[in-house]
Amino acid sequence: MTTRLTRTREGRERGGGSVLAIALVGIVSVVLVAALTIAAVAIAGQQARTAADLAALAGAGLAIQGGDEASVCAVASSTAANNRATLSSCRLERTAIDRATGVELPAVHVQVTRGVGGTGWTIQVRAAAGGVPRDS
């Protein structure tokens, strides 16, 4: 009489597919969270650059009309706040002179800070705007 041993799939391998599926879901979740974090930083960076550019341009527009540093920085701060950013620093310079007209050309330098949504991180961006001397 011959005895035949047979192996069944039941036994040691039972539940192996479940462990593999759980591991796969975990890996996909980590990759997804990392991708979303990178996207949040990229979006916040672009929004901070936009807020800084607009704040500098708004301040320069008032400076060209003769505004003093306090009013120029107030307009820049308001513009940054309207774009969900905070004005960190603001400086008005009147150093450039147009050689053709002899008119003083102001320049506004700003730095804004914006938080990255869903994290405790912040992004700081600098921008400048103002008059550019014409070539004579």
C-alpha atoms as a PDB file:
ATOM      1  CA  MET A   1       0.000   0.000   0.000  1.00  0.00           C
ATOM      2  CA  THR A   2       1.358   3.392  -0.941  1.00  0.00           C
ATOM      3  CA  THR A   3       0.738   6.482   1.045  1.00  0.00           C
ATOM      4  CA  ARG A   4       0.536   9.652  -0.860  1.00  0.00           C
ATOM      5  CA  LEU A   5       1.249  12.952   0.844  1.00  0.00           C
ATOM      6  CA  THR A   6      -0.475  15.956  -0.572  1.00  0.00           C
ATOM      7  CA  ARG A   7       0.031  19.553   0.313  1.00  0.00           C
ATOM      8  CA  THR A   8      -2.853  21.838   0.512  1.00  0.00           C
ATOM      9  CA  ARG A   9      -2.710  25.552   0.108  1.00  0.00           C
ATOM     10  CA  GLU A  10      -4.308  25.841   3.437  1.00  0.00           C
ATOM     11  CA  GLY A  11      -1.951  25.982   6.319  1.00  0.00           C
ATOM     12  CA  ARG A  12       1.141  28.133   6.267  1.00  0.00           C
ATOM     13  CA  GLU A  13       0.074  30.379   3.402  1.00  0.00           C
ATOM     14  CA  ARG A  14      -3.319  31.236   4.724  1.00  0.00           C
ATOM     15  CA  GLY A  15      -3.765  35.063   4.933  1.00  0.00           C
ATOM     16  CA  GLY A  16      -0.648  35.863   2.900  1.00  0.00           C
ATOM     17  CA  GLY A  17      -2.668  37.798   0.346  1.00  0.00           C
ATOM     18  CA  SER A  18      -4.228  39.947   3.041  1.00  0.00           C
ATOM     19  CA  VAL A  19      -0.832  40.924   4.425  1.00  0.00           C
ATOM     20  CA  LEU A  20       0.368  41.776   0.929  1.00  0.00           C
ATOM     21  CA  ALA A  21      -2.743  43.879   0.257  1.00  0.00           C
ATOM     22  CA  ILE A  22      -2.348  45.773   3.547  1.00  0.00           C
ATOM     23  CA  ALA A  23       1.322  46.461   2.780  1.00  0.00           C
ATOM     24  CA  LEU A  24       0.436  47.696  -0.685  1.00  0.00           C
ATOM     25  CA  VAL A  25      -2.256  50.038   0.698  1.00  0.00           C
ATOM     26  CA  GLY A  26       0.275  51.372   3.224  1.00  0.00           C
ATOM     27  CA  ILE A  27       2.872  52.064   0.544  1.00  0.00           C
ATOM     28  CA  VAL A  28       0.341  53.793  -1.706  1.00  0.00           C
ATOM     29  CA  SER A  29      -0.838  55.898   1.255  1.00  0.00           C
ATOM     30  CA  VAL A  30       2.694  57.058   2.087  1.00  0.00           C
ATOM     31  CA  VAL A  31       3.395  57.950  -1.545  1.00  0.00           C
ATOM     32  CA  LEU A  32       0.084  59.841  -1.771  1.00  0.00           C
ATOM     33  CA  VAL A  33       0.756  61.856   1.405  1.00  0.00           C
ATOM     34  CA  ALA A  34       4.256  62.729   0.162  1.00  0.00           C
ATOM     35  CA  ALA A  35       2.896  63.836  -3.218  1.00  0.00           C
ATOM     36  CA  LEU A  36       0.201  65.967  -1.599  1.00  0.00           C
ATOM     37  CA  THR A  37       2.756  67.608   0.697  1.00  0.00           C
ATOM     38  CA  ILE A  38       5.004  68.440  -2.251  1.00  0.00           C
ATOM     39  CA  ALA A  39       2.009  69.852  -4.137  1.00  0.00           C
ATOM     40  CA  ALA A  40       0.978  71.963  -1.115  1.00  0.00           C
ATOM     41  CA  VAL A  41       4.483  73.438  -0.852  1.00  0.00           C
ATOM     42  CA  ALA A  42       4.579  74.194  -4.585  1.00  0.00           C
ATOM     43  CA  ILE A  43       1.157  75.849  -4.547  1.00  0.00           C
ATOM     44  CA  ALA A  44       1.928  77.893  -1.414  1.00  0.00           C
ATOM     45  CA  GLY A  45       5.236  78.988  -2.943  1.00  0.00           C
ATOM     46  CA  GLN A  46       3.536  80.219  -6.094  1.00  0.00           C
ATOM     47  CA  GLN A  47       0.841  81.991  -4.092  1.00  0.00           C
ATOM     48  CA  ALA A  48       3.520  83.633  -1.912  1.00  0.00           C
ATOM     49  CA  ARG A  49       5.409  84.831  -5.015  1.00  0.00           C
ATOM     50  CA  THR A  50       2.193  86.238  -6.443  1.00  0.00           C
ATOM     51  CA  ALA A  51       1.377  88.020  -3.163  1.00  0.00           C
ATOM     52  CA  ALA A  52       4.892  89.488  -2.982  1.00  0.00           C
ATOM     53  CA  ASP A  53       4.808  90.692  -6.590  1.00  0.00           C
ATOM     54  CA  LEU A  54       1.384  92.279  -6.184  1.00  0.00           C
ATOM     55  CA  ALA A  55       2.347  93.914  -2.869  1.00  0.00           C
ATOM     56  CA  ALA A  56       5.495  95.400  -4.414  1.00  0.00           C
ATOM     57  CA  LEU A  57       3.590  96.626  -7.464  1.00  0.00           C
ATOM     58  CA  ALA A  58       0.832  98.192  -5.357  1.00  0.00           C
ATOM     59  CA  GLY A  59       3.399  99.938  -3.195  1.00  0.00           C
ATOM     60  CA  ALA A  60       5.366 101.129  -6.214  1.00  0.00           C
ATOM     61  CA  GLY A  61       2.214 102.498  -7.806  1.00  0.00           C
ATOM     62  CA  LEU A  62       1.587 104.674  -4.767  1.00  0.00           C
ATOM     63  CA  ALA A  63       5.267 105.605  -4.461  1.00  0.00           C
ATOM     64  CA  ILE A  64       5.329 106.878  -8.050  1.00  0.00           C
ATOM     65  CA  GLN A  65       2.367 109.108  -7.172  1.00  0.00           C
ATOM     66  CA  GLY A  66       4.387 110.571  -4.286  1.00  0.00           C
ATOM     67  CA  GLY A  67       3.403 108.379  -1.344  1.00  0.00           C
ATOM     68  CA  ASP A  68       5.663 108.225   1.693  1.00  0.00           C
ATOM     69  CA  GLU A  69       7.125 104.997   3.103  1.00  0.00           C
ATOM     70  CA  ALA A  70       4.373 104.532   5.716  1.00  0.00           C
ATOM     71  CA  SER A  71       1.537 104.775   3.185  1.00  0.00           C
ATOM     72  CA  VAL A  72       3.403 102.696   0.595  1.00  0.00           C
ATOM     73  CA  CYS A  73       4.011  99.915   3.132  1.00  0.00           C
ATOM     74  CA  ALA A  74       0.393 100.103   4.343  1.00  0.00           C
ATOM     75  CA  VAL A  75      -0.831  99.519   0.781  1.00  0.00           C
ATOM     76  CA  ALA A  76       1.694  96.700   0.319  1.00  0.00           C
ATOM     77  CA  SER A  77       0.578  95.098   3.606  1.00  0.00           C
ATOM     78  CA  SER A  78      -3.091  95.320   2.633  1.00  0.00           C
ATOM     79  CA  THR A  79      -2.371  93.787  -0.767  1.00  0.00           C
ATOM     80  CA  ALA A  80      -0.385  90.945   0.799  1.00  0.00           C
ATOM     81  CA  ALA A  81      -3.200  90.303   3.288  1.00  0.00           C
ATOM     82  CA  ASN A  82      -5.743  90.205   0.451  1.00  0.00           C
ATOM     83  CA  ASN A  83      -3.620  87.407  -1.025  1.00  0.00           C
ATOM     84  CA  ARG A  84      -3.462  85.473   2.284  1.00  0.00           C
ATOM     85  CA  ALA A  85       0.117  86.457   3.061  1.00  0.00           C
ATOM     86  CA  THR A  86       1.746  88.622   5.713  1.00  0.00           C
ATOM     87  CA  LEU A  87       4.092  91.496   4.940  1.00  0.00           C
ATOM     88  CA  SER A  88       7.337  90.798   6.838  1.00  0.00           C
ATOM     89  CA  SER A  89       9.338  93.807   5.681  1.00  0.00           C
ATOM     90  CA  CYS A  90       8.879  96.793   3.429  1.00  0.00           C
ATOM     91  CA  ARG A  91      11.361  99.400   2.267  1.00  0.00           C
ATOM     92  CA  LEU A  92      10.969 102.398  -0.025  1.00  0.00           C
ATOM     93  CA  GLU A  93      14.052 103.616  -1.856  1.00  0.00           C
ATOM     94  CA  ARG A  94      14.326 106.756  -3.912  1.00  0.00           C
ATOM     95  CA  THR A  95      17.806 106.271  -5.285  1.00  0.00           C
ATOM     96  CA  ALA A  96      17.338 106.012  -9.045  1.00  0.00           C
ATOM     97  CA  ILE A  97      17.048 109.155 -11.126  1.00  0.00           C
ATOM     98  CA  ASP A  98      15.824 109.178 -14.704  1.00  0.00           C
ATOM     99  CA  ARG A  99      18.650 110.840 -16.668  1.00  0.00           C
ATOM    100  CA  ALA A 100      16.343 112.025 -19.411  1.00  0.00           C
ATOM    101  CA  THR A 101      13.873 113.828 -17.142  1.00  0.00           C
ATOM    102  CA  GLY A 102      15.759 114.235 -13.866  1.00  0.00           C
ATOM    103  CA  VAL A 103      12.794 112.709 -12.016  1.00  0.00           C
ATOM    104  CA  GLU A 104      13.425 110.563  -8.949  1.00  0.00           C
ATOM    105  CA  LEU A 105      12.258 106.969  -9.464  1.00  0.00           C
ATOM    106  CA  PRO A 106      11.104 105.097  -6.362  1.00  0.00           C
ATOM    107  CA  ALA A 107      11.578 101.381  -5.779  1.00  0.00           C
ATOM    108  CA  VAL A 108       9.688  99.258  -3.261  1.00  0.00           C
ATOM    109  CA  HIS A 109      11.245  96.134  -1.724  1.00  0.00           C
ATOM    110  CA  VAL A 110       8.950  93.753   0.181  1.00  0.00           C
ATOM    111  CA  GLN A 111       9.186  90.399   1.880  1.00  0.00           C
ATOM    112  CA  VAL A 112       6.043  88.358   2.522  1.00  0.00           C
ATOM    113  CA  THR A 113       5.388  85.212   4.528  1.00  0.00           C
ATOM    114  CA  ARG A 114       2.722  82.631   3.781  1.00  0.00           C
ATOM    115  CA  GLY A 115       1.893  79.389   5.538  1.00  0.00           C
ATOM    116  CA  VAL A 116       1.798  76.028   3.797  1.00  0.00           C
ATOM    117  CA  GLY A 117      -1.680  74.586   4.269  1.00  0.00           C
ATOM    118  CA  GLY A 118      -1.877  71.508   6.464  1.00  0.00           C
ATOM    119  CA  THR A 119       1.654  71.932   7.848  1.00  0.00           C
ATOM    120  CA  GLY A 120       3.443  74.223  10.276  1.00  0.00           C
ATOM    121  CA  TRP A 121       5.783  75.404   7.537  1.00  0.00           C
ATOM    122  CA  THR A 122       6.020  78.941   6.168  1.00  0.00           C
ATOM    123  CA  ILE A 123       7.438  80.323   2.963  1.00  0.00           C
ATOM    124  CA  GLN A 124       9.175  83.710   2.725  1.00  0.00           C
ATOM    125  CA  VAL A 125       9.480  85.481  -0.607  1.00  0.00           C
ATOM    126  CA  ARG A 126      11.019  88.791  -1.633  1.00  0.00           C
ATOM    127  CA  ALA A 127       9.982  91.048  -4.481  1.00  0.00           C
ATOM    128  CA  ALA A 128      10.790  94.530  -5.746  1.00  0.00           C
ATOM    129  CA  ALA A 129       9.046  96.931  -8.077  1.00  0.00           C
ATOM    130  CA  GLY A 130       9.562 100.508  -9.130  1.00  0.00           C
ATOM    131  CA  GLY A 131      10.582 102.902 -11.801  1.00  0.00           C
ATOM    132  CA  VAL A 132      13.274 101.999 -14.293  1.00  0.00           C
ATOM    133  CA  PRO A 133      15.438 104.791 -15.686  1.00  0.00           C
ATOM    134  CA  ARG A 134      15.166 105.379 -19.421  1.00  0.00           C
ATOM    135  CA  ASP A 135      18.299 105.385 -21.510  1.00  0.00           C
ATOM    136  CA  SER A 136      18.999 108.894 -22.729  1.00  0.00           C
END
